Amino acid sequence: MLTRKQHELLMFIHERLKESGIPP
């Protein structure tokens, strides 16, 4: 299981990737 911090970090990175237009 991911910790809250790890989950938040993954979500943050995912959002940044979408904004940058870089495929995951």
N, C-alpha and C. Protein backbone atom coordinates (compact mmCIF):
# COMPACT_ATOMS: atom_id res chain seq x y z
N MET A 1 0.84 -1.21 0.00
CA MET A 1 0.00 0.00 0.00
C MET A 1 0.87 1.25 0.00
N LEU A 2 0.39 2.25 -0.71
CA LEU A 2 1.12 3.52 -0.71
C LEU A 2 0.76 4.32 0.53
N THR A 3 1.74 5.04 1.03
CA THR A 3 1.44 5.94 2.14
C THR A 3 0.77 7.18 1.57
N ARG A 4 0.21 8.01 2.43
CA ARG A 4 -0.45 9.22 1.97
C ARG A 4 0.52 10.10 1.19
N LYS A 5 1.75 10.24 1.71
CA LYS A 5 2.74 11.10 1.06
C LYS A 5 3.10 10.55 -0.32
N GLN A 6 3.27 9.23 -0.41
CA GLN A 6 3.63 8.63 -1.69
C GLN A 6 2.51 8.83 -2.71
N HIS A 7 1.27 8.66 -2.24
CA HIS A 7 0.12 8.82 -3.13
C HIS A 7 0.04 10.26 -3.63
N GLU A 8 0.23 11.23 -2.72
CA GLU A 8 0.18 12.63 -3.10
C GLU A 8 1.27 12.95 -4.12
N LEU A 9 2.46 12.37 -3.92
CA LEU A 9 3.56 12.62 -4.83
C LEU A 9 3.24 12.06 -6.22
N LEU A 10 2.68 10.85 -6.26
CA LEU A 10 2.33 10.25 -7.55
C LEU A 10 1.28 11.10 -8.26
N MET A 11 0.29 11.57 -7.52
CA MET A 11 -0.76 12.39 -8.12
C MET A 11 -0.17 13.70 -8.64
N PHE A 12 0.76 14.28 -7.87
CA PHE A 12 1.40 15.53 -8.27
C PHE A 12 2.17 15.33 -9.58
N ILE A 13 2.95 14.26 -9.64
CA ILE A 13 3.74 13.98 -10.84
C ILE A 13 2.82 13.73 -12.03
N HIS A 14 1.75 12.99 -11.80
CA HIS A 14 0.80 12.68 -12.87
C HIS A 14 0.20 13.96 -13.44
N GLU A 15 -0.19 14.89 -12.56
CA GLU A 15 -0.76 16.15 -13.01
C GLU A 15 0.26 16.95 -13.80
N ARG A 16 1.51 16.98 -13.33
CA ARG A 16 2.57 17.72 -14.01
C ARG A 16 2.80 17.15 -15.41
N LEU A 17 2.77 15.81 -15.51
CA LEU A 17 2.98 15.18 -16.81
C LEU A 17 1.87 15.56 -17.78
N LYS A 18 0.63 15.58 -17.28
CA LYS A 18 -0.50 15.94 -18.14
C LYS A 18 -0.35 17.38 -18.61
N GLU A 19 0.07 18.28 -17.72
CA GLU A 19 0.22 19.68 -18.06
C GLU A 19 1.35 19.87 -19.08
N SER A 20 2.40 19.07 -18.94
CA SER A 20 3.56 19.19 -19.82
C SER A 20 3.29 18.56 -21.18
N GLY A 21 2.27 17.71 -21.23
CA GLY A 21 1.94 17.03 -22.47
C GLY A 21 2.86 15.85 -22.74
N ILE A 22 3.58 15.42 -21.71
CA ILE A 22 4.47 14.28 -21.85
C ILE A 22 3.70 13.00 -21.52
N PRO A 23 3.75 12.02 -22.39
CA PRO A 23 3.04 10.76 -22.10
C PRO A 23 3.60 10.07 -20.86
N PRO A 24 2.77 9.46 -20.05
CA PRO A 24 3.19 8.83 -18.80
C PRO A 24 4.13 7.65 -19.02
